[in-house]
C-alpha cells in the first residue's frame, strides 16, 4: 500500500468561478478518515442527530474578544430556532445552530462553543453583526475572522463549495491541506489566501428543528 502524500495542485484564477488562485485540497480532504484515540471525541462527533442547539445557549465562547461584522444572507421562512448544520461523521468538524438571536459555532469533537454571533433579521434577510470568540486562532485578525465566518456559513449551513480562507500562500501545499482538514474536515475542498469580493449568496439559509446535514456537491 502506497504511503505517498497525494499531490496538491493549484487551480489558476482563470479556471475557477471566484477568479483567485486556489489550492485544490480534495486529494487530501476527501481521501482522509478522521480518527481519535479518545473515544469521547468519537462519541461527541456523532452525538448531534437529535440536537437543536439548546444545550449550548448558556455556554461561554472560548474568548471574550468581540469583532463587529456585516455579513448578510437570505433566509427561508419560517426561520425558527434550530440547527443550521450538524455533523454526520467524524470528518465534519463543526456544528452550527441558531438560538436566542445568535448563531452558535460548536467544535464537534469536543462539543465546545467556540464563538457566538449576534444576528439581526429583517424580512427575508439575516445579517451577522458581531461575533464573540475565536474560530481558528487566538486573537485572530478581525478581517480574517470575517472571512472564516462567511466561509463556514457558505460551506456548512448553505452546503456550497467555497474556498477556505488562508492567511498566507507561503506554506507548503501539503501542510496547508492538512491544516485545512484538521480545521474543517471534508468541507474544505479548495483554499485561497486572496480575498474574494463579498456578495450575498443566492441560496437561502434554513434551520432544522432536529439535525440536518449533508455533503457538498463537488463540481
Protein backbone atom coordinates (compact mmCIF):
# COMPACT_ATOMS: atom_id res chain seq x y z
CA UNK A 1 0.00 0.00 0.00
CA UNK A 2 1.39 3.38 -1.02
CA UNK A 3 2.16 5.85 1.75
CA UNK A 4 2.92 8.75 -0.58
CA UNK A 5 1.16 12.01 0.19
CA UNK A 6 -1.34 12.96 -2.55
CA UNK A 7 -0.22 15.64 -4.96
CA UNK A 8 -1.80 19.01 -4.16
CA UNK A 9 -2.16 21.24 -7.22
CA UNK A 10 -3.01 24.87 -7.81
CA UNK A 11 -6.08 25.97 -9.76
CA UNK A 12 -5.40 29.21 -11.58
CA UNK A 13 -7.73 32.20 -11.29
CA UNK A 14 -8.97 31.84 -14.88
CA UNK A 15 -10.10 28.28 -14.18
CA UNK A 16 -12.50 28.79 -11.27
CA UNK A 17 -15.62 30.90 -10.62
CA UNK A 18 -14.03 33.08 -7.89
CA UNK A 19 -11.24 34.50 -10.05
CA UNK A 20 -8.49 33.83 -7.47
CA UNK A 21 -5.68 31.30 -7.30
CA UNK A 22 -6.86 28.22 -5.41
CA UNK A 23 -5.17 25.29 -3.77
CA UNK A 24 -7.09 22.10 -4.60
CA UNK A 25 -7.44 20.31 -1.26
CA UNK A 26 -9.65 17.45 -2.44
CA UNK A 27 -6.94 14.77 -2.83
CA UNK A 28 -6.39 15.10 0.93
CA UNK A 29 -9.68 16.23 2.44
CA UNK A 30 -11.89 13.81 0.51
CA UNK A 31 -9.50 10.91 0.92
CA UNK A 32 -8.68 11.03 4.62
CA UNK A 33 -10.51 9.45 7.52
CA UNK A 34 -10.59 11.16 10.91
CA UNK A 35 -9.79 9.06 13.97
CA UNK A 36 -9.22 9.81 17.63
CA UNK A 37 -7.64 7.82 20.43
CA UNK A 38 -10.19 9.40 22.76
CA UNK A 39 -13.49 7.51 22.48
CA UNK A 40 -15.30 10.56 23.90
CA UNK A 41 -14.30 12.58 20.83
CA UNK A 42 -15.81 9.97 18.53
CA UNK A 43 -18.96 9.84 20.65
CA UNK A 44 -19.23 13.62 20.63
CA UNK A 45 -18.73 13.90 16.87
CA UNK A 46 -21.70 11.62 16.25
CA UNK A 47 -23.94 13.00 19.00
CA UNK A 48 -25.85 15.70 17.09
CA UNK A 49 -28.63 13.75 15.39
CA UNK A 50 -31.22 14.94 17.93
CA UNK A 51 -29.56 18.24 18.89
CA UNK A 52 -31.30 21.58 18.34
CA UNK A 53 -28.55 23.69 19.90
CA UNK A 54 -30.34 24.45 23.17
CA UNK A 55 -27.59 22.78 25.23
CA UNK A 56 -25.06 25.38 24.02
CA UNK A 57 -27.05 28.55 24.70
CA UNK A 58 -25.63 29.17 28.17
CA UNK A 59 -22.04 28.28 27.30
CA UNK A 60 -19.34 30.95 27.12
CA UNK A 61 -17.32 31.34 23.89
CA UNK A 62 -13.62 30.48 24.02
CA UNK A 63 -12.60 34.16 24.03
CA UNK A 64 -14.04 37.46 25.21
CA UNK A 65 -12.83 39.17 22.06
CA UNK A 66 -15.68 40.71 20.06
CA UNK A 67 -15.49 41.79 16.42
CA UNK A 68 -18.07 43.83 14.53
CA UNK A 69 -19.27 42.30 11.25
CA UNK A 70 -21.73 42.93 8.47
CA UNK A 71 -22.47 39.70 6.63
CA UNK A 72 -25.87 39.32 5.00
CA UNK A 73 -27.69 36.17 3.89
CA UNK A 74 -31.09 35.35 2.54
CA UNK A 75 -33.24 33.15 4.78
CA UNK A 76 -36.01 30.68 4.13
CA UNK A 77 -39.16 31.32 6.14
CA UNK A 78 -40.11 30.30 8.70
CA UNK A 79 -36.62 30.80 10.13
CA UNK A 80 -37.09 29.16 13.52
CA UNK A 81 -34.55 28.22 16.17
CA UNK A 82 -32.65 25.06 15.39
CA UNK A 83 -29.72 23.59 13.52
CA UNK A 84 -28.02 25.19 10.54
CA UNK A 85 -25.54 22.33 10.22
CA UNK A 86 -24.94 19.21 12.27
CA UNK A 87 -22.11 16.71 11.72
CA UNK A 88 -22.93 13.29 10.36
CA UNK A 89 -19.42 11.81 10.51
CA UNK A 90 -16.01 12.28 12.10
CA UNK A 91 -14.89 14.31 9.08
CA UNK A 92 -17.39 17.05 9.94
CA UNK A 93 -15.58 19.28 12.43
CA UNK A 94 -18.33 21.80 13.29
CA UNK A 95 -21.96 22.10 14.34
CA UNK A 96 -23.80 25.38 13.75
CA UNK A 97 -27.06 26.44 15.41
CA UNK A 98 -29.38 29.42 15.52
CA UNK A 99 -30.64 30.05 19.06
CA UNK A 100 -31.78 33.10 21.03
CA UNK A 101 -30.86 35.55 18.29
CA UNK A 102 -27.36 34.15 17.88
CA UNK A 103 -25.55 31.79 15.54
CA UNK A 104 -23.52 29.34 17.63
CA UNK A 105 -20.33 27.75 16.27
CA UNK A 106 -19.57 24.50 18.09
CA UNK A 107 -16.48 22.32 17.67
CA UNK A 108 -17.98 18.90 17.01
CA UNK A 109 -15.41 16.59 18.63
CA UNK A 110 -15.40 18.41 21.95
CA UNK A 111 -18.89 19.95 21.98
CA UNK A 112 -17.28 23.27 22.92
CA UNK A 113 -18.84 26.59 21.98
CA UNK A 114 -16.07 28.39 20.13
CA UNK A 115 -17.97 31.51 19.09
CA UNK A 116 -21.40 33.14 19.18
CA UNK A 117 -22.53 35.66 16.56
CA UNK A 118 -25.26 38.26 17.02
CA UNK A 119 -27.74 38.44 14.17
CA UNK A 120 -30.42 40.84 13.02
CA UNK A 121 -33.32 39.61 10.92
CA UNK A 122 -35.29 41.88 8.63
CA UNK A 123 -37.85 40.30 6.35
CA UNK A 124 -36.20 37.52 4.36
CA UNK A 125 -32.65 38.55 5.23
CA UNK A 126 -30.34 37.85 8.13
CA UNK A 127 -27.31 39.97 9.00
CA UNK A 128 -24.47 38.81 11.23
CA UNK A 129 -23.48 41.98 13.07
CA UNK A 130 -20.96 40.85 15.69
CA UNK A 131 -19.15 37.75 16.86
CA UNK A 132 -17.61 36.85 20.21
CA UNK A 133 -14.95 34.14 20.38
CA UNK A 134 -12.25 32.76 18.09
CA UNK A 135 -12.74 30.16 15.38
CA UNK A 136 -9.23 29.32 14.19
CA UNK A 137 -6.56 31.10 16.25
CA UNK A 138 -6.49 33.05 19.48
CA UNK A 139 -6.81 36.76 18.73
CA UNK A 140 -7.21 36.07 15.01
CA UNK A 141 -7.24 39.14 12.81
CA UNK A 142 -10.70 40.76 12.57
CA UNK A 143 -10.80 40.66 8.78
CA UNK A 144 -9.67 37.06 8.74
CA UNK A 145 -12.36 36.19 11.27
CA UNK A 146 -14.95 37.75 8.96
CA UNK A 147 -13.71 35.60 6.09
CA UNK A 148 -13.85 32.43 8.21
CA UNK A 149 -17.41 33.15 9.38
CA UNK A 150 -18.54 33.72 5.80
CA UNK A 151 -16.79 30.55 4.65
CA UNK A 152 -18.43 28.47 7.38
CA UNK A 153 -21.91 29.79 6.64
CA UNK A 154 -21.49 29.07 2.93
CA UNK A 155 -19.70 25.73 3.15
CA UNK A 156 -21.67 24.27 6.06
CA UNK A 157 -25.04 25.98 6.50
CA UNK A 158 -25.64 26.68 2.79
CA UNK A 159 -24.00 23.44 1.60
CA UNK A 160 -21.89 25.26 -1.01
CA UNK A 161 -18.39 24.64 -2.30
CA UNK A 162 -16.43 27.74 -1.24
CA UNK A 163 -12.70 28.42 -0.65
CA UNK A 164 -11.25 28.09 2.83
CA UNK A 165 -9.62 31.45 3.69
CA UNK A 166 -5.87 31.30 4.30
CA UNK A 167 -3.72 33.95 5.94
CA UNK A 168 -0.79 33.16 3.67
CA UNK A 169 0.05 31.25 0.49
CA UNK A 170 3.66 30.71 1.59
CA UNK A 171 3.23 27.43 3.47
CA UNK A 172 3.93 24.13 1.66
CA UNK A 173 0.77 22.84 -0.06
CA UNK A 174 0.84 19.55 1.89
CA UNK A 175 0.97 21.42 5.19
CA UNK A 176 -1.88 23.71 4.13
CA UNK A 177 -4.05 20.78 3.04
CA UNK A 178 -3.60 19.03 6.39
CA UNK A 179 -4.24 22.27 8.30
CA UNK A 180 -7.49 22.77 6.40
CA UNK A 181 -8.55 19.16 7.00
CA UNK A 182 -7.88 19.44 10.72
CA UNK A 183 -9.85 22.66 10.91
CA UNK A 184 -12.75 21.99 8.55
CA UNK A 185 -12.67 18.31 7.62
CA UNK A 186 -14.14 17.23 4.31
CA UNK A 187 -15.92 20.57 3.94
CA UNK A 188 -12.55 22.04 2.95
CA UNK A 189 -12.29 21.46 -0.79
CA UNK A 190 -10.29 24.42 -2.09
CA UNK A 191 -8.45 27.26 -0.35
CA UNK A 192 -7.08 30.71 -1.10
CA UNK A 193 -5.15 33.48 0.61
CA UNK A 194 -6.71 36.05 -1.71
CA UNK A 195 -9.77 37.99 -0.64
CA UNK A 196 -12.96 37.29 -2.57
CA UNK A 197 -15.29 40.29 -3.00
CA UNK A 198 -18.34 39.73 -0.81
CA UNK A 199 -21.69 39.10 -2.45
CA UNK A 200 -24.90 37.93 -0.79
CA UNK A 201 -25.40 34.28 -1.81
CA UNK A 202 -28.43 33.42 -3.92
CA UNK A 203 -29.16 30.39 -1.74
CA UNK A 204 -31.21 30.90 1.42
CA UNK A 205 -30.36 29.70 4.91
CA UNK A 206 -32.79 27.34 6.56
CA UNK A 207 -32.95 25.86 10.03
CA UNK A 208 -33.79 22.34 11.10
CA UNK A 209 -35.62 21.58 14.30
CA UNK A 210 -33.56 18.45 14.87
CA UNK A 211 -30.38 17.77 12.92
CA UNK A 212 -29.79 18.42 9.23
CA UNK A 213 -26.52 17.90 7.42
CA UNK A 214 -25.01 16.56 4.27
CA UNK A 215 -22.05 16.63 1.95
CA UNK A 216 -21.49 19.39 -0.61
CA UNK A 217 -21.73 18.63 -4.29
CA UNK A 218 -18.31 18.93 -5.91
CA UNK A 219 -18.47 20.26 -9.44
